[in-house]
N, C-alpha and C. Protein backbone atom coordinates (compact mmCIF):
# COMPACT_ATOMS: atom_id res chain seq x y z
N MET A 1 -31.84 -94.44 -51.09
CA MET A 1 -31.81 -94.33 -52.52
C MET A 1 -32.33 -92.97 -52.98
N LEU A 2 -33.38 -92.47 -52.32
CA LEU A 2 -33.90 -91.16 -52.69
C LEU A 2 -32.89 -90.06 -52.41
N LYS A 3 -32.08 -90.23 -51.40
CA LYS A 3 -31.06 -89.23 -51.07
C LYS A 3 -30.04 -89.11 -52.19
N ILE A 4 -29.83 -90.19 -52.94
CA ILE A 4 -28.89 -90.15 -54.07
C ILE A 4 -29.44 -89.24 -55.16
N PHE A 5 -30.74 -89.30 -55.41
CA PHE A 5 -31.36 -88.46 -56.44
C PHE A 5 -31.40 -87.00 -56.02
N ASP A 6 -31.72 -86.76 -54.77
CA ASP A 6 -31.81 -85.38 -54.28
C ASP A 6 -31.53 -85.41 -52.79
N ASN A 7 -30.33 -84.98 -52.41
CA ASN A 7 -29.95 -85.07 -50.99
C ASN A 7 -30.72 -84.08 -50.11
N ARG A 8 -31.50 -83.20 -50.70
CA ARG A 8 -32.32 -82.28 -49.90
C ARG A 8 -33.63 -82.92 -49.47
N TYR A 9 -33.99 -84.02 -50.13
CA TYR A 9 -35.26 -84.70 -49.83
C TYR A 9 -35.20 -85.37 -48.47
N GLU A 10 -36.17 -85.08 -47.64
CA GLU A 10 -36.25 -85.71 -46.33
C GLU A 10 -37.32 -86.79 -46.36
N ILE A 11 -36.94 -87.99 -46.05
CA ILE A 11 -37.87 -89.11 -46.05
C ILE A 11 -38.78 -88.98 -44.83
N PRO A 12 -40.10 -89.08 -45.03
CA PRO A 12 -41.02 -88.97 -43.89
C PRO A 12 -40.83 -90.12 -42.91
N ASP A 13 -41.12 -89.86 -41.65
CA ASP A 13 -40.99 -90.94 -40.67
C ASP A 13 -42.09 -91.97 -40.89
N GLN A 14 -41.99 -93.08 -40.18
CA GLN A 14 -42.89 -94.21 -40.43
C GLN A 14 -44.35 -93.93 -40.12
N SER A 15 -44.65 -92.97 -39.28
CA SER A 15 -46.05 -92.69 -38.95
C SER A 15 -46.68 -91.64 -39.86
N TYR A 16 -45.90 -91.04 -40.75
CA TYR A 16 -46.42 -89.98 -41.61
C TYR A 16 -47.64 -90.44 -42.41
N PHE A 17 -47.54 -91.59 -43.05
CA PHE A 17 -48.63 -92.05 -43.91
C PHE A 17 -49.87 -92.41 -43.10
N SER A 18 -49.68 -93.10 -41.97
CA SER A 18 -50.84 -93.54 -41.19
C SER A 18 -51.50 -92.39 -40.43
N ARG A 19 -50.72 -91.39 -40.04
CA ARG A 19 -51.28 -90.30 -39.23
C ARG A 19 -51.58 -89.03 -40.02
N THR A 20 -50.94 -88.86 -41.17
CA THR A 20 -51.11 -87.61 -41.91
C THR A 20 -51.62 -87.83 -43.33
N ALA A 21 -50.85 -88.51 -44.15
CA ALA A 21 -51.17 -88.62 -45.59
C ALA A 21 -52.50 -89.33 -45.85
N VAL A 22 -52.69 -90.50 -45.26
CA VAL A 22 -53.92 -91.25 -45.51
C VAL A 22 -55.14 -90.54 -44.93
N PRO A 23 -55.10 -90.03 -43.69
CA PRO A 23 -56.27 -89.29 -43.19
C PRO A 23 -56.60 -88.04 -44.03
N GLU A 24 -55.58 -87.34 -44.53
CA GLU A 24 -55.84 -86.18 -45.39
C GLU A 24 -56.49 -86.61 -46.70
N LEU A 25 -55.96 -87.67 -47.31
CA LEU A 25 -56.52 -88.18 -48.55
C LEU A 25 -57.96 -88.65 -48.34
N TYR A 26 -58.22 -89.31 -47.21
CA TYR A 26 -59.58 -89.76 -46.90
C TYR A 26 -60.52 -88.56 -46.77
N ALA A 27 -60.10 -87.52 -46.06
CA ALA A 27 -60.95 -86.34 -45.86
C ALA A 27 -61.26 -85.66 -47.19
N ILE A 28 -60.26 -85.53 -48.05
CA ILE A 28 -60.47 -84.91 -49.36
C ILE A 28 -61.43 -85.74 -50.20
N THR A 29 -61.21 -87.06 -50.23
CA THR A 29 -62.06 -87.95 -51.01
C THR A 29 -63.48 -87.95 -50.48
N ARG A 30 -63.63 -88.02 -49.17
CA ARG A 30 -64.96 -88.03 -48.57
C ARG A 30 -65.72 -86.74 -48.89
N ARG A 31 -65.02 -85.62 -48.83
CA ARG A 31 -65.65 -84.33 -49.15
C ARG A 31 -66.12 -84.30 -50.61
N ARG A 32 -65.26 -84.79 -51.52
CA ARG A 32 -65.64 -84.83 -52.95
C ARG A 32 -66.85 -85.72 -53.19
N VAL A 33 -66.83 -86.90 -52.57
CA VAL A 33 -67.94 -87.84 -52.73
C VAL A 33 -69.22 -87.25 -52.13
N ALA A 34 -69.11 -86.61 -50.97
CA ALA A 34 -70.29 -86.01 -50.33
C ALA A 34 -70.91 -84.94 -51.22
N GLU A 35 -70.07 -84.13 -51.88
CA GLU A 35 -70.58 -83.12 -52.81
C GLU A 35 -71.28 -83.79 -53.99
N GLN A 36 -70.69 -84.87 -54.48
CA GLN A 36 -71.25 -85.58 -55.63
C GLN A 36 -72.60 -86.22 -55.28
N VAL A 37 -72.68 -86.89 -54.15
CA VAL A 37 -73.92 -87.60 -53.81
C VAL A 37 -75.03 -86.65 -53.33
N ALA A 38 -74.67 -85.44 -52.96
CA ALA A 38 -75.70 -84.48 -52.53
C ALA A 38 -76.67 -84.17 -53.66
N ALA A 39 -76.21 -84.30 -54.90
CA ALA A 39 -77.04 -83.99 -56.06
C ALA A 39 -77.83 -85.20 -56.57
N VAL A 40 -77.60 -86.36 -55.98
CA VAL A 40 -78.25 -87.58 -56.46
C VAL A 40 -79.72 -87.59 -56.04
N ARG A 41 -80.59 -87.82 -57.02
CA ARG A 41 -82.02 -87.90 -56.72
C ARG A 41 -82.45 -89.34 -56.50
N TYR A 42 -82.02 -90.22 -57.40
CA TYR A 42 -82.37 -91.64 -57.30
C TYR A 42 -81.13 -92.48 -57.58
N PHE A 43 -81.11 -93.68 -57.01
CA PHE A 43 -79.98 -94.58 -57.24
C PHE A 43 -80.45 -96.02 -57.14
N ALA A 44 -79.66 -96.90 -57.71
CA ALA A 44 -79.85 -98.34 -57.55
C ALA A 44 -78.65 -98.84 -56.76
N SER A 45 -78.75 -100.02 -56.21
CA SER A 45 -77.64 -100.52 -55.40
C SER A 45 -77.50 -102.02 -55.54
N THR A 46 -76.39 -102.51 -55.01
CA THR A 46 -76.15 -103.94 -54.94
C THR A 46 -75.43 -104.21 -53.62
N THR A 47 -75.66 -105.39 -53.08
CA THR A 47 -74.99 -105.75 -51.83
C THR A 47 -74.61 -107.22 -51.88
N ASP A 48 -73.59 -107.56 -51.11
CA ASP A 48 -73.16 -108.95 -51.03
C ASP A 48 -72.39 -109.14 -49.73
N LEU A 49 -72.42 -110.36 -49.26
CA LEU A 49 -71.59 -110.76 -48.13
C LEU A 49 -70.46 -111.60 -48.70
N TRP A 50 -69.25 -111.40 -48.21
CA TRP A 50 -68.12 -112.13 -48.76
C TRP A 50 -67.07 -112.35 -47.68
N LEU A 51 -66.14 -113.25 -47.98
CA LEU A 51 -65.06 -113.58 -47.06
C LEU A 51 -63.73 -113.18 -47.66
N SER A 52 -62.85 -112.62 -46.84
CA SER A 52 -61.50 -112.33 -47.31
C SER A 52 -60.73 -113.64 -47.42
N ILE A 53 -59.52 -113.57 -47.89
CA ILE A 53 -58.72 -114.78 -48.07
C ILE A 53 -58.47 -115.49 -46.74
N ASP A 54 -58.48 -114.74 -45.64
CA ASP A 54 -58.30 -115.38 -44.33
C ASP A 54 -59.64 -115.65 -43.63
N LEU A 55 -60.72 -115.65 -44.42
CA LEU A 55 -62.07 -116.00 -43.97
C LEU A 55 -62.69 -114.98 -43.01
N THR A 56 -62.29 -113.73 -43.14
CA THR A 56 -62.90 -112.66 -42.37
C THR A 56 -64.16 -112.20 -43.11
N PRO A 57 -65.32 -112.16 -42.43
CA PRO A 57 -66.57 -111.81 -43.12
C PRO A 57 -66.76 -110.30 -43.29
N PHE A 58 -67.23 -109.92 -44.48
CA PHE A 58 -67.49 -108.52 -44.80
C PHE A 58 -68.83 -108.40 -45.50
N ILE A 59 -69.37 -107.19 -45.46
CA ILE A 59 -70.55 -106.85 -46.26
C ILE A 59 -70.15 -105.67 -47.14
N SER A 60 -70.58 -105.71 -48.39
CA SER A 60 -70.34 -104.59 -49.29
C SER A 60 -71.68 -104.03 -49.76
N TYR A 61 -71.69 -102.75 -50.04
CA TYR A 61 -72.89 -102.06 -50.50
C TYR A 61 -72.44 -101.01 -51.50
N THR A 62 -72.88 -101.13 -52.73
CA THR A 62 -72.46 -100.24 -53.80
C THR A 62 -73.69 -99.54 -54.37
N ILE A 63 -73.56 -98.23 -54.59
CA ILE A 63 -74.66 -97.50 -55.21
C ILE A 63 -74.27 -97.08 -56.62
N MET A 64 -75.26 -97.06 -57.51
CA MET A 64 -75.07 -96.63 -58.88
C MET A 64 -76.11 -95.56 -59.19
N PHE A 65 -75.66 -94.52 -59.89
CA PHE A 65 -76.59 -93.45 -60.26
C PHE A 65 -76.09 -92.78 -61.53
N VAL A 66 -76.97 -92.05 -62.17
CA VAL A 66 -76.62 -91.31 -63.38
C VAL A 66 -76.52 -89.83 -63.00
N THR A 67 -75.40 -89.21 -63.39
CA THR A 67 -75.19 -87.80 -63.07
C THR A 67 -76.01 -86.92 -64.00
N ASP A 68 -76.00 -85.62 -63.73
CA ASP A 68 -76.69 -84.66 -64.60
C ASP A 68 -76.08 -84.63 -66.00
N ASN A 69 -74.81 -85.07 -66.12
CA ASN A 69 -74.14 -85.16 -67.42
C ASN A 69 -74.37 -86.50 -68.09
N LEU A 70 -75.31 -87.29 -67.54
CA LEU A 70 -75.67 -88.61 -68.06
C LEU A 70 -74.50 -89.60 -68.04
N GLU A 71 -73.69 -89.50 -67.00
CA GLU A 71 -72.60 -90.45 -66.80
C GLU A 71 -72.97 -91.38 -65.66
N LEU A 72 -72.70 -92.68 -65.85
CA LEU A 72 -72.98 -93.66 -64.81
C LEU A 72 -71.87 -93.61 -63.77
N GLU A 73 -72.24 -93.49 -62.52
CA GLU A 73 -71.29 -93.49 -61.41
C GLU A 73 -71.58 -94.68 -60.51
N CYS A 74 -70.54 -95.34 -60.06
CA CYS A 74 -70.65 -96.44 -59.10
C CYS A 74 -69.76 -96.11 -57.92
N LEU A 75 -70.33 -96.11 -56.74
CA LEU A 75 -69.56 -95.81 -55.53
C LEU A 75 -69.66 -96.98 -54.57
N SER A 76 -68.52 -97.50 -54.20
CA SER A 76 -68.49 -98.53 -53.18
C SER A 76 -68.77 -97.82 -51.87
N HIS A 77 -69.98 -97.92 -51.44
CA HIS A 77 -70.52 -97.14 -50.35
C HIS A 77 -70.09 -97.67 -48.99
N CYS A 78 -69.93 -98.98 -48.93
CA CYS A 78 -69.65 -99.62 -47.65
C CYS A 78 -68.93 -100.94 -47.90
N ASN A 79 -67.85 -101.15 -47.24
CA ASN A 79 -67.18 -102.44 -47.15
C ASN A 79 -66.82 -102.60 -45.69
N SER A 80 -67.68 -103.27 -44.96
CA SER A 80 -67.54 -103.31 -43.51
C SER A 80 -67.37 -104.72 -42.99
N TYR A 81 -66.57 -104.82 -41.96
CA TYR A 81 -66.39 -106.06 -41.22
C TYR A 81 -67.73 -106.44 -40.61
N LEU A 82 -68.13 -107.70 -40.76
CA LEU A 82 -69.43 -108.14 -40.24
C LEU A 82 -69.26 -109.44 -39.46
N PRO A 83 -68.78 -109.34 -38.21
CA PRO A 83 -68.54 -110.55 -37.42
C PRO A 83 -69.80 -111.17 -36.83
N GLN A 84 -70.90 -110.39 -36.78
CA GLN A 84 -72.13 -110.90 -36.19
C GLN A 84 -72.75 -111.96 -37.10
N ASP A 85 -73.76 -112.64 -36.56
CA ASP A 85 -74.52 -113.58 -37.38
C ASP A 85 -75.10 -112.81 -38.57
N HIS A 86 -75.15 -113.46 -39.70
CA HIS A 86 -75.63 -112.81 -40.92
C HIS A 86 -77.15 -112.95 -41.05
N THR A 87 -77.85 -112.40 -40.09
CA THR A 87 -79.32 -112.45 -40.11
C THR A 87 -79.86 -111.29 -40.93
N GLY A 88 -81.09 -111.42 -41.37
CA GLY A 88 -81.73 -110.35 -42.13
C GLY A 88 -81.77 -109.04 -41.35
N GLU A 89 -82.01 -109.14 -40.05
CA GLU A 89 -82.10 -107.94 -39.22
C GLU A 89 -80.75 -107.22 -39.12
N ILE A 90 -79.68 -107.97 -38.89
CA ILE A 90 -78.35 -107.36 -38.78
C ILE A 90 -77.93 -106.75 -40.12
N ILE A 91 -78.19 -107.46 -41.20
CA ILE A 91 -77.84 -106.95 -42.53
C ILE A 91 -78.63 -105.67 -42.83
N SER A 92 -79.92 -105.66 -42.53
CA SER A 92 -80.72 -104.45 -42.79
C SER A 92 -80.22 -103.28 -41.94
N ASP A 93 -79.81 -103.54 -40.71
CA ASP A 93 -79.26 -102.48 -39.86
C ASP A 93 -77.98 -101.90 -40.47
N MET A 94 -77.11 -102.77 -40.99
CA MET A 94 -75.85 -102.31 -41.60
C MET A 94 -76.14 -101.46 -42.85
N LEU A 95 -77.06 -101.91 -43.69
CA LEU A 95 -77.39 -101.18 -44.91
C LEU A 95 -78.02 -99.83 -44.59
N GLU A 96 -78.91 -99.82 -43.62
CA GLU A 96 -79.57 -98.57 -43.22
C GLU A 96 -78.56 -97.58 -42.65
N ALA A 97 -77.62 -98.07 -41.84
CA ALA A 97 -76.59 -97.20 -41.26
C ALA A 97 -75.70 -96.61 -42.36
N SER A 98 -75.43 -97.41 -43.38
CA SER A 98 -74.62 -96.94 -44.50
C SER A 98 -75.31 -95.80 -45.24
N LEU A 99 -76.62 -95.94 -45.44
CA LEU A 99 -77.38 -94.86 -46.09
C LEU A 99 -77.36 -93.59 -45.25
N GLU A 100 -77.59 -93.74 -43.96
CA GLU A 100 -77.64 -92.58 -43.06
C GLU A 100 -76.30 -91.86 -43.01
N GLU A 101 -75.22 -92.63 -43.08
CA GLU A 101 -73.88 -92.03 -43.02
C GLU A 101 -73.66 -91.03 -44.15
N TRP A 102 -74.28 -91.28 -45.30
CA TRP A 102 -74.11 -90.40 -46.46
C TRP A 102 -75.36 -89.56 -46.73
N SER A 103 -76.28 -89.51 -45.80
CA SER A 103 -77.50 -88.69 -45.90
C SER A 103 -78.41 -89.09 -47.06
N PHE A 104 -78.42 -90.36 -47.40
CA PHE A 104 -79.38 -90.87 -48.39
C PHE A 104 -80.65 -91.27 -47.67
N LYS A 105 -81.74 -91.29 -48.43
CA LYS A 105 -83.01 -91.77 -47.90
C LYS A 105 -83.39 -93.04 -48.64
N SER A 106 -84.02 -93.96 -47.96
CA SER A 106 -84.46 -95.20 -48.59
C SER A 106 -85.37 -94.93 -49.78
N SER A 107 -86.12 -93.84 -49.72
CA SER A 107 -87.05 -93.52 -50.81
C SER A 107 -86.32 -93.16 -52.11
N GLN A 108 -85.03 -92.84 -52.02
CA GLN A 108 -84.25 -92.52 -53.22
C GLN A 108 -83.80 -93.79 -53.94
N GLN A 109 -83.81 -94.90 -53.24
CA GLN A 109 -83.33 -96.15 -53.83
C GLN A 109 -84.42 -96.77 -54.69
N VAL A 110 -84.11 -96.99 -55.95
CA VAL A 110 -85.07 -97.56 -56.89
C VAL A 110 -85.14 -99.07 -56.71
N CYS A 111 -83.99 -99.71 -56.52
CA CYS A 111 -83.93 -101.17 -56.47
C CYS A 111 -82.59 -101.59 -55.89
N ILE A 112 -82.56 -102.76 -55.25
CA ILE A 112 -81.30 -103.34 -54.79
C ILE A 112 -81.16 -104.72 -55.42
N THR A 113 -80.00 -104.98 -56.02
CA THR A 113 -79.72 -106.27 -56.63
C THR A 113 -78.91 -107.10 -55.64
N THR A 114 -79.36 -108.34 -55.42
CA THR A 114 -78.70 -109.21 -54.44
C THR A 114 -78.61 -110.63 -54.99
N ASP A 115 -77.92 -111.48 -54.24
CA ASP A 115 -77.97 -112.90 -54.57
C ASP A 115 -79.31 -113.43 -54.06
N ASN A 116 -79.48 -114.73 -54.08
CA ASN A 116 -80.77 -115.31 -53.69
C ASN A 116 -80.83 -115.77 -52.23
N ALA A 117 -79.87 -115.37 -51.43
CA ALA A 117 -79.84 -115.80 -50.03
C ALA A 117 -81.05 -115.24 -49.27
N ALA A 118 -81.64 -116.08 -48.46
CA ALA A 118 -82.85 -115.70 -47.71
C ALA A 118 -82.57 -114.52 -46.77
N ASN A 119 -81.38 -114.47 -46.17
CA ASN A 119 -81.09 -113.39 -45.22
C ASN A 119 -81.00 -112.03 -45.91
N ILE A 120 -80.45 -111.99 -47.11
CA ILE A 120 -80.35 -110.72 -47.84
C ILE A 120 -81.73 -110.30 -48.35
N LYS A 121 -82.50 -111.27 -48.83
CA LYS A 121 -83.87 -110.96 -49.27
C LYS A 121 -84.70 -110.42 -48.10
N LEU A 122 -84.52 -111.02 -46.92
CA LEU A 122 -85.24 -110.56 -45.74
C LEU A 122 -84.81 -109.14 -45.35
N ALA A 123 -83.51 -108.85 -45.46
CA ALA A 123 -83.02 -107.51 -45.15
C ALA A 123 -83.69 -106.47 -46.05
N ALA A 124 -83.77 -106.77 -47.34
CA ALA A 124 -84.42 -105.84 -48.28
C ALA A 124 -85.90 -105.69 -47.94
N GLU A 125 -86.54 -106.80 -47.60
CA GLU A 125 -87.96 -106.76 -47.22
C GLU A 125 -88.16 -105.93 -45.95
N ASN A 126 -87.29 -106.13 -44.95
CA ASN A 126 -87.38 -105.37 -43.69
C ASN A 126 -87.31 -103.86 -43.94
N LEU A 127 -86.51 -103.47 -44.94
CA LEU A 127 -86.33 -102.05 -45.24
C LEU A 127 -87.37 -101.52 -46.22
N GLY A 128 -88.21 -102.41 -46.73
CA GLY A 128 -89.22 -101.99 -47.70
C GLY A 128 -88.64 -101.68 -49.07
N TRP A 129 -87.49 -102.29 -49.39
CA TRP A 129 -86.82 -102.03 -50.66
C TRP A 129 -87.25 -103.03 -51.72
N THR A 130 -87.30 -102.58 -52.96
CA THR A 130 -87.54 -103.47 -54.08
C THR A 130 -86.26 -104.26 -54.33
N GLN A 131 -86.36 -105.59 -54.31
CA GLN A 131 -85.19 -106.45 -54.45
C GLN A 131 -85.23 -107.15 -55.80
N LEU A 132 -84.10 -107.17 -56.48
CA LEU A 132 -83.96 -107.84 -57.77
C LEU A 132 -82.86 -108.89 -57.64
N SER A 133 -83.16 -110.12 -58.01
CA SER A 133 -82.15 -111.18 -57.94
C SER A 133 -81.12 -111.00 -59.05
N CYS A 134 -79.87 -111.26 -58.73
CA CYS A 134 -78.76 -111.11 -59.66
C CYS A 134 -78.88 -112.12 -60.81
N PHE A 135 -78.80 -111.64 -62.04
CA PHE A 135 -78.91 -112.51 -63.21
C PHE A 135 -77.81 -113.57 -63.20
N GLY A 136 -76.60 -113.17 -62.86
CA GLY A 136 -75.48 -114.12 -62.83
C GLY A 136 -75.70 -115.26 -61.85
N HIS A 137 -76.22 -114.94 -60.68
CA HIS A 137 -76.51 -115.98 -59.69
C HIS A 137 -77.61 -116.91 -60.20
N ASN A 138 -78.65 -116.34 -60.79
CA ASN A 138 -79.75 -117.16 -61.31
C ASN A 138 -79.29 -118.06 -62.45
N LEU A 139 -78.44 -117.53 -63.32
CA LEU A 139 -77.91 -118.34 -64.42
C LEU A 139 -77.08 -119.50 -63.87
N HIS A 140 -76.26 -119.22 -62.86
CA HIS A 140 -75.45 -120.27 -62.24
C HIS A 140 -76.35 -121.37 -61.65
N LEU A 141 -77.41 -120.97 -60.96
CA LEU A 141 -78.34 -121.95 -60.39
C LEU A 141 -78.99 -122.80 -61.47
N ALA A 142 -79.40 -122.17 -62.57
CA ALA A 142 -80.05 -122.90 -63.66
C ALA A 142 -79.10 -123.91 -64.29
N ILE A 143 -77.87 -123.49 -64.52
CA ILE A 143 -76.87 -124.40 -65.12
C ILE A 143 -76.56 -125.54 -64.18
N THR A 144 -76.41 -125.25 -62.89
CA THR A 144 -76.12 -126.29 -61.90
C THR A 144 -77.24 -127.32 -61.86
N LYS A 145 -78.49 -126.86 -61.88
CA LYS A 145 -79.62 -127.80 -61.85
C LYS A 145 -79.68 -128.62 -63.14
N ALA A 146 -79.39 -128.00 -64.27
CA ALA A 146 -79.42 -128.72 -65.55
C ALA A 146 -78.33 -129.80 -65.58
N ILE A 147 -77.16 -129.48 -65.08
CA ILE A 147 -76.06 -130.45 -65.06
C ILE A 147 -76.39 -131.59 -64.10
N ALA A 148 -77.00 -131.27 -62.97
CA ALA A 148 -77.34 -132.29 -61.97
C ALA A 148 -78.33 -133.31 -62.53
N LYS A 149 -79.19 -132.90 -63.45
CA LYS A 149 -80.17 -133.82 -64.04
C LYS A 149 -79.55 -134.74 -65.08
N ASP A 150 -78.38 -134.41 -65.56
CA ASP A 150 -77.70 -135.22 -66.58
C ASP A 150 -76.87 -136.29 -65.88
N ASN A 151 -77.30 -137.55 -65.96
CA ASN A 151 -76.62 -138.65 -65.27
C ASN A 151 -75.16 -138.81 -65.70
N ARG A 152 -74.84 -138.42 -66.93
CA ARG A 152 -73.47 -138.58 -67.41
C ARG A 152 -72.50 -137.70 -66.64
N SER A 153 -72.97 -136.58 -66.15
CA SER A 153 -72.07 -135.65 -65.46
C SER A 153 -72.21 -135.69 -63.95
N SER A 154 -73.20 -136.41 -63.43
CA SER A 154 -73.45 -136.37 -61.99
C SER A 154 -72.29 -136.94 -61.18
N ARG A 155 -71.62 -137.99 -61.66
CA ARG A 155 -70.48 -138.57 -60.93
C ARG A 155 -69.33 -137.56 -60.86
N ALA A 156 -69.00 -136.95 -61.99
CA ALA A 156 -67.92 -135.96 -62.02
C ALA A 156 -68.26 -134.76 -61.14
N LEU A 157 -69.52 -134.35 -61.18
CA LEU A 157 -69.96 -133.23 -60.36
C LEU A 157 -69.85 -133.57 -58.87
N GLY A 158 -70.24 -134.79 -58.50
CA GLY A 158 -70.13 -135.24 -57.11
C GLY A 158 -68.70 -135.23 -56.62
N ILE A 159 -67.78 -135.69 -57.45
CA ILE A 159 -66.35 -135.68 -57.09
C ILE A 159 -65.86 -134.24 -56.93
N ALA A 160 -66.23 -133.38 -57.85
CA ALA A 160 -65.81 -131.97 -57.77
C ALA A 160 -66.35 -131.32 -56.50
N GLN A 161 -67.59 -131.61 -56.14
CA GLN A 161 -68.17 -131.03 -54.92
C GLN A 161 -67.45 -131.52 -53.67
N LYS A 162 -67.03 -132.79 -53.66
CA LYS A 162 -66.28 -133.31 -52.51
C LYS A 162 -64.93 -132.62 -52.40
N ILE A 163 -64.29 -132.37 -53.52
CA ILE A 163 -63.00 -131.67 -53.51
C ILE A 163 -63.17 -130.26 -52.97
N VAL A 164 -64.19 -129.56 -53.46
CA VAL A 164 -64.44 -128.19 -53.00
C VAL A 164 -64.75 -128.17 -51.51
N SER A 165 -65.59 -129.10 -51.04
CA SER A 165 -65.95 -129.11 -49.62
C SER A 165 -64.76 -129.44 -48.73
N ALA A 166 -63.78 -130.17 -49.25
CA ALA A 166 -62.58 -130.47 -48.46
C ALA A 166 -61.78 -129.21 -48.17
N PHE A 167 -61.85 -128.23 -49.06
CA PHE A 167 -61.08 -127.01 -48.88
C PHE A 167 -61.91 -125.85 -48.36
N SER A 168 -63.22 -125.98 -48.36
CA SER A 168 -64.10 -124.90 -47.91
C SER A 168 -64.20 -124.89 -46.40
N VAL A 169 -64.28 -123.70 -45.86
CA VAL A 169 -64.45 -123.53 -44.42
C VAL A 169 -65.51 -122.46 -44.21
N ARG A 170 -66.42 -122.72 -43.32
CA ARG A 170 -67.42 -121.70 -43.00
C ARG A 170 -66.75 -120.60 -42.19
N TRP A 171 -67.23 -119.37 -42.36
CA TRP A 171 -66.63 -118.25 -41.64
C TRP A 171 -66.86 -118.36 -40.16
N LYS A 172 -67.97 -118.94 -39.76
CA LYS A 172 -68.31 -119.04 -38.34
C LYS A 172 -67.75 -120.34 -37.79
N ARG A 173 -66.85 -120.23 -36.85
CA ARG A 173 -66.19 -121.43 -36.32
C ARG A 173 -66.78 -121.85 -35.01
């Protein structure tokens, strides 16, 4: 179809994007981000463990900072496959490696926002980081507990939980 528009256009072979275009784009983007983060003095972060649609486990780590122009920047610092057990030690190792990869120091991190999982809290503690529980997660917990105390809704909630558990699968098989 492109040849119809311009018969001089040569369509790249199938390996062009995987071997040339994407690696070049990655190198350019990484260089730009490295220049940007070199000026960062302090940052806050957030992390979470999540599953892809096919139940593949990942860890994400995002940093937020304010530039010299007073603009808020958010960089998805790490989205890594995490097949190991999700222990506090393994999580802290992953987060520390992510910081080192971009030449950040733990002392630059003001706070990390996480869910209330014991393993993530332990990872933050292992690294000596100030941990802040996510407001959204805490609100969800409060609402769930309030609903559970209401006898009128407990039967419906029990049925809903059984339906969810029928479709839920743990990542570790």
